[in-house]
């Protein structure tokens, strides 16, 4: 049981820690101190539900349907390339995150709906969370423990991000930091898209 739990924790941690749209949104909300804890909780809930769906059946369904799998593969590759280009553009013209904090406050509902869109409209979340994490979890000796481990990684990461943002704020307010982060994101996105295309 513990081996399955640890496998889920490590696999999910390796995938969710990479900077992406969802993490950047949580970080921005945390730096603004604008409904950051409900946003983190929503991200954890979505991850837990998607992992459970993947582990307990959806990954198998997708893996058995070549048309759906091909669509997920090419759609995911296209999204990653697009997102990589966006990150590269940001790296060439970096903006300090502190400038984003100058916007006026938004309602909790508006922030949570945006968080939901950033989470669920990203095809990469389905490739990573449902397909990759889910298909690995379906092969574990204790799939439920694996799903719990993956959900634990999400819980630890998003609440660490939400609560630790104030401490990171001075470092993240530097344009050079964001240039390096965005360059890293672009390289990672291009690498994963390349793997999807060549595999």
Foldseek 3Di string as FASTA:
>chain_A
DVVLLQLLQVLLLVPVVQDDLLLVLLLLCLQLVALSVVLLVLQLVVLLVLLCCQQVPPLVVCVVDPVSVVCLLVVLLVLLLVRLVVLLVCLVVPAQSVVVSPDDHDDNVVSNVVSVCSQPVRSVCNCRRRHVQNVVLNPDPDSVSSSVSNSVNSSVVSVCSNVCSNVCRVVRRDRNVSSVSSNVSSVVSNVVSVVSVVD
